[in-house]
Protein backbone atom coordinates (compact mmCIF):
# COMPACT_ATOMS: atom_id res chain seq x y z
CA MET A 1 77.54 65.70 63.14
CA ALA A 2 76.43 68.03 65.86
CA PRO A 3 78.97 70.68 66.86
CA VAL A 4 80.95 70.00 70.00
CA PRO A 5 79.86 72.51 72.67
CA ARG A 6 82.57 74.81 73.94
CA PRO A 7 83.37 74.43 77.63
CA ALA A 8 82.19 77.21 79.86
CA ALA A 9 84.74 79.86 80.73
CA PRO A 10 86.13 79.33 84.24
CA TRP A 11 84.33 82.33 85.68
CA GLN A 12 81.01 81.08 84.31
CA SER A 13 81.32 77.87 86.27
CA VAL A 14 82.08 79.52 89.60
CA LEU A 15 80.22 82.85 89.50
CA PRO A 16 77.16 82.60 91.77
CA ARG A 17 73.81 84.19 91.08
CA LYS A 18 74.45 87.13 93.41
CA HIS A 19 77.12 89.21 91.76
CA MET A 20 77.81 92.75 90.59
CA LEU A 21 80.18 94.46 88.20
CA ILE A 22 80.80 97.94 89.58
CA ALA A 23 82.49 100.57 87.42
CA GLN A 24 84.31 103.53 88.94
CA LEU A 25 85.15 106.76 87.14
CA SER A 26 86.73 109.72 88.85
CA ASP A 27 87.85 113.31 88.45
CA PRO A 28 86.48 114.09 84.99
CA HIS A 29 86.77 117.85 85.65
CA ILE A 30 84.03 118.71 83.17
CA ARG A 31 84.12 122.23 81.71
CA PRO A 32 81.53 124.33 79.88
CA GLU A 33 81.05 123.35 76.26
CA GLY A 34 84.10 124.19 74.16
CA VAL A 35 86.40 124.91 77.12
CA LEU A 36 89.51 122.78 77.78
CA TYR A 37 90.51 121.59 81.24
CA GLN A 38 93.60 123.58 82.32
CA GLY A 39 93.63 124.91 78.77
CA VAL A 40 95.04 121.65 77.39
CA ALA A 41 92.75 118.63 77.98
CA ALA A 42 89.41 117.94 76.26
CA SER A 43 87.91 116.64 79.49
CA ASN A 44 84.33 116.56 78.21
CA GLN A 45 85.26 114.39 75.25
CA MET A 46 87.45 112.21 77.49
CA PHE A 47 84.54 111.59 79.85
CA ALA A 48 82.28 110.70 76.93
CA GLU A 49 84.94 108.24 75.75
CA ALA A 50 85.15 106.73 79.23
CA LEU A 51 81.39 106.14 79.26
CA ALA A 52 81.58 104.60 75.79
CA HIS A 53 84.41 102.36 77.01
CA LEU A 54 82.21 101.00 79.80
CA HIS A 55 79.34 100.31 77.42
CA ALA A 56 81.67 98.45 75.03
CA LEU A 57 82.87 95.97 77.68
CA ASP A 58 81.88 92.33 77.19
CA ARG A 59 79.79 92.75 80.31
CA VAL A 60 78.19 96.16 80.86
CA PRO A 61 78.57 97.22 84.52
CA ASP A 62 75.56 97.02 86.79
CA LEU A 63 76.40 100.30 88.49
CA LEU A 64 78.66 103.31 87.95
CA LEU A 65 80.33 105.12 90.85
CA ILE A 66 81.81 108.58 90.22
CA THR A 67 84.14 109.58 93.04
CA GLY A 68 84.23 113.35 92.87
CA ASP A 69 85.53 116.38 90.99
CA LEU A 70 82.80 115.92 88.44
CA VAL A 71 83.44 119.51 87.34
CA ASP A 72 86.40 121.85 87.55
CA GLU A 73 85.02 125.12 88.92
CA GLY A 74 81.65 124.16 90.42
CA ARG A 75 79.71 126.23 87.89
CA PRO A 76 76.09 125.46 86.94
CA GLU A 77 76.94 125.28 83.23
CA GLU A 78 79.57 122.63 84.01
CA TYR A 79 77.01 120.52 85.87
CA ALA A 80 74.59 120.93 82.97
CA MET A 81 77.30 119.45 80.73
CA VAL A 82 77.86 116.54 83.15
CA ARG A 83 74.17 115.68 83.05
CA GLU A 84 74.12 115.93 79.26
CA LEU A 85 77.07 113.54 78.99
CA LEU A 86 75.57 111.11 81.52
CA SER A 87 72.28 111.09 79.62
CA ALA A 88 74.04 109.01 76.94
CA SER A 89 74.71 106.23 79.48
CA ARG A 90 72.31 103.43 80.34
CA ILE A 91 74.21 102.49 83.51
CA PRO A 92 72.66 103.71 86.79
CA PHE A 93 75.08 105.88 88.74
CA LEU A 94 75.94 107.12 92.23
CA VAL A 95 77.94 110.31 92.77
CA ILE A 96 79.92 111.98 95.54
CA PRO A 97 81.46 115.48 95.49
CA GLY A 98 85.14 116.38 95.27
CA ASN A 99 87.05 119.47 96.26
CA HIS A 100 86.45 121.08 92.85
CA ASP A 101 82.69 120.60 93.18
CA HIS A 102 80.35 123.20 94.63
CA ARG A 103 78.10 121.53 97.19
CA GLU A 104 74.88 123.41 96.48
CA ASN A 105 75.29 123.49 92.71
CA PHE A 106 76.07 119.76 92.88
CA ARG A 107 72.91 119.16 94.90
CA ILE A 108 70.79 121.14 92.42
CA ALA A 109 72.29 119.38 89.41
CA PHE A 110 71.54 115.94 90.87
CA ARG A 111 68.27 116.77 92.61
CA ASP A 112 66.61 113.88 90.78
CA GLN A 113 68.87 111.42 92.61
CA PRO A 114 66.79 110.38 95.65
CA TYR A 115 69.74 109.24 97.76
CA LEU A 116 71.23 112.75 98.02
CA PRO A 117 70.18 114.68 101.16
CA ALA A 118 68.21 117.88 100.72
CA GLU A 119 70.54 119.90 102.95
CA GLY A 120 73.87 119.75 104.73
CA ALA A 121 76.81 117.55 103.86
CA LEU A 122 76.30 115.11 100.99
CA HIS A 123 76.50 111.84 102.95
CA TRP A 124 74.24 109.04 101.75
CA CYS A 125 73.59 105.29 101.89
CA VAL A 126 72.09 103.17 99.08
CA ASP A 127 71.06 99.71 100.23
CA ASP A 128 69.02 98.26 97.36
CA HIS A 129 71.82 96.24 95.68
CA PRO A 130 73.57 93.03 96.74
CA VAL A 131 76.33 95.37 97.97
CA ARG A 132 75.56 98.36 100.20
CA PHE A 133 77.10 101.67 99.04
CA ILE A 134 77.89 104.57 101.38
CA GLY A 135 78.98 107.99 100.16
CA LEU A 136 80.87 110.23 102.56
CA ASP A 137 81.34 113.94 101.84
CA SER A 138 85.01 114.63 102.69
CA CYS A 139 85.04 118.19 101.29
CA PRO A 140 85.11 121.14 103.72
CA VAL A 141 83.47 124.08 101.96
CA GLY A 142 86.03 126.32 100.29
CA LYS A 143 89.00 124.01 100.99
CA HIS A 144 90.96 121.62 98.79
CA HIS A 145 92.17 119.22 101.48
CA GLY A 146 89.85 116.57 102.85
CA HIS A 147 88.39 116.25 106.34
CA VAL A 148 85.65 114.08 107.83
CA ASP A 149 84.40 115.92 110.90
CA ALA A 150 83.04 114.42 114.12
CA GLN A 151 79.43 114.77 112.99
CA ALA A 152 80.18 112.87 109.78
CA VAL A 153 82.05 110.16 111.67
CA GLU A 154 79.06 109.73 113.99
CA TRP A 155 76.71 109.51 110.99
CA LEU A 156 78.95 106.88 109.42
CA ALA A 157 79.10 104.85 112.64
CA ARG A 158 75.29 104.83 112.90
CA THR A 159 74.89 103.91 109.24
CA LEU A 160 77.40 101.05 109.39
CA ALA A 161 75.77 99.74 112.57
CA GLN A 162 72.42 99.31 110.78
CA ASP A 163 73.80 96.18 109.07
CA THR A 164 77.05 94.60 110.24
CA ALA A 165 76.92 91.68 107.79
CA LYS A 166 76.04 92.99 104.33
CA PRO A 167 79.09 93.61 102.09
CA THR A 168 79.67 97.36 101.97
CA VAL A 169 81.62 99.77 99.78
CA LEU A 170 82.53 103.16 101.27
CA MET A 171 83.28 106.10 98.98
CA LEU A 172 85.03 109.38 99.79
CA HIS A 173 86.90 111.69 97.45
CA HIS A 174 90.14 112.18 99.40
CA PRO A 175 92.37 109.17 100.20
CA PRO A 176 92.80 108.83 103.98
CA PHE A 177 96.53 108.06 103.74
CA ILE A 178 99.86 109.54 102.70
CA SER A 179 100.67 108.70 99.08
CA GLY A 180 104.30 109.83 99.06
CA ILE A 181 103.62 112.46 96.37
CA PRO A 182 104.35 115.66 98.32
CA TYR A 183 102.19 118.07 96.38
CA MET A 184 99.17 115.76 96.72
CA ASP A 185 99.66 114.82 100.35
CA ILE A 186 99.10 118.39 101.53
CA TYR A 187 95.56 117.98 100.13
CA ARG A 188 94.83 114.49 101.47
CA CYS A 189 92.10 113.64 103.99
CA MET A 190 93.41 115.02 107.29
CA GLU A 191 92.89 113.84 110.88
CA THR A 192 91.62 110.39 110.00
CA GLN A 193 92.06 108.57 113.34
CA GLN A 194 88.37 108.60 114.32
CA LEU A 195 87.32 107.66 110.80
CA GLU A 196 89.77 104.79 110.81
CA GLU A 197 88.48 103.50 114.15
CA VAL A 198 84.88 103.45 112.89
CA VAL A 199 85.76 101.65 109.65
CA ARG A 200 87.97 99.15 111.47
CA ARG A 201 85.03 98.09 113.64
CA ALA A 202 82.96 97.33 110.51
CA SER A 203 84.40 94.05 109.27
CA ASN A 204 81.94 93.98 106.34
CA VAL A 205 83.50 97.00 104.58
CA GLU A 206 84.88 95.26 101.50
CA LEU A 207 86.52 98.30 99.94
CA VAL A 208 87.05 102.05 100.38
CA LEU A 209 87.02 103.91 97.06
CA CYS A 210 88.58 107.32 96.46
CA GLY A 211 89.52 109.70 93.68
CA HIS A 212 91.43 113.00 93.97
CA VAL A 213 94.97 111.77 93.20
CA HIS A 214 94.38 111.02 89.49
CA ARG A 215 96.25 107.74 89.94
CA THR A 216 95.59 104.14 90.94
CA MET A 217 96.83 103.50 94.45
CA LEU A 218 96.18 100.63 96.87
CA ARG A 219 96.72 100.60 100.60
CA ARG A 220 95.73 98.36 103.48
CA TRP A 221 93.86 100.61 105.92
CA ALA A 222 91.46 100.19 108.83
CA GLY A 223 91.23 96.45 108.30
CA THR A 224 90.17 96.80 104.67
CA VAL A 225 91.61 98.03 101.36
CA VAL A 226 91.60 101.59 100.01
CA CYS A 227 91.66 101.93 96.23
CA SER A 228 92.01 105.23 94.37
CA CYS A 229 90.86 105.58 90.78
CA PRO A 230 92.68 107.19 87.87
CA SER A 231 91.18 110.30 86.31
CA THR A 232 89.41 110.25 82.96
CA THR A 233 91.46 113.36 82.06
CA THR A 234 95.04 113.82 83.29
CA GLU A 235 97.40 111.63 85.32
CA ILE A 236 99.23 113.32 88.18
CA ASP A 237 102.92 112.45 87.94
CA LEU A 238 104.45 109.96 90.35
CA GLN A 239 107.23 112.03 91.94
CA LEU A 240 108.44 111.17 95.42
CA ALA A 241 111.14 113.78 96.06
CA ALA A 242 110.19 116.25 98.77
CA ASP A 243 110.85 119.22 96.48
CA ALA A 244 109.15 117.76 93.38
CA PRO A 245 107.25 120.39 91.39
CA PRO A 246 103.52 119.69 90.86
CA GLN A 247 102.92 118.33 87.37
CA SER A 248 100.77 115.96 85.36
CA HIS A 249 100.46 114.45 81.90
CA ILE A 250 97.58 113.63 79.59
CA GLY A 251 97.25 109.87 79.80
CA PRO A 252 97.22 107.06 80.27
CA ARG A 253 93.55 107.27 81.14
CA GLY A 254 91.66 104.56 82.93
CA CYS A 255 88.85 103.46 85.19
CA MET A 256 88.35 100.80 87.82
CA LEU A 257 86.15 97.73 87.56
CA HIS A 258 85.24 96.05 90.84
CA LEU A 259 83.79 92.55 90.45
CA TRP A 260 81.93 91.29 93.53
CA ASP A 261 80.31 87.92 94.02
CA GLU A 262 78.79 86.26 97.02
CA ALA A 263 81.27 83.40 97.19
CA HIS A 264 84.56 85.14 96.40
CA GLY A 265 84.21 88.73 97.59
CA MET A 266 85.67 91.65 95.68
CA VAL A 267 88.39 91.81 93.03
CA SER A 268 89.39 95.10 91.39
CA HIS A 269 90.82 95.70 87.92
CA VAL A 270 92.30 98.74 86.18
CA SER A 271 90.75 99.11 82.73
CA HIS A 272 92.69 101.40 80.36
CA ILE A 273 90.68 103.67 78.09
CA GLY A 274 91.78 103.97 74.46
CA ALA A 275 92.73 102.01 71.38
CA PHE A 276 95.73 99.67 71.61
CA ALA A 277 97.39 97.13 69.34
CA GLY A 278 95.86 93.66 69.35
CA PRO A 279 94.14 91.43 70.18
CA TYR A 280 96.75 88.69 69.89
CA GLY A 281 96.53 84.99 70.58
CA PHE A 282 96.92 83.90 74.19
CA ALA A 283 99.30 81.03 74.98
């Protein structure tokens, strides 16, 4: 007797041909070989484990987004380590800088990435996927808070206006909202009214992706959704008291997976990195 075929999983029956699985990693804070992040966290190993986690998924992502603070001190030897670690990945990637990155060293390290501009702020647009990706450099040189100046806002407005229908993901390192964690909010993206007005006019912006806060946060903003990604190294503690002292812990680590399809739009998942008990039966 021929075996009875198993029914297709629900997602297989509804997922259209145009679809993408987009991975997001953030804030790896890579150090030179043998150096620990903040003297306590093996950030290089943790980033390697995050990449291995993505490759072990039952569906390998089509694209990897890294939303800033790739290194901790902006040093060339740190960027050399980032490139060495990324060389083990077969997933194409897009990168934006964070406040711990050094703009020119970042540009040199990723000079083989054709979307990065040869000079000035590191704004870019990649439009050769079913989803359009826009990177916005929110890092004033020498500062830790975020700011998108008038020139950047104008560039973004022009770029968004080139296609007002194609689903678009916008990336910037600093979240453009108050998180409630006092020692992070002093370093948020400041003076965001003009940025918000431009994004609100672009109804095809599916998602705004950020890093910086080493936590997963969601907020409705500018007519779309802002999502911040956990760090592959440390988690900044959720403390809401005005006088809370800055602190963080190692773990839990995670990444974001953003599943987009033509019929159903975007859905985002937190994917925890590490070994856990299970699997168990599902009832």
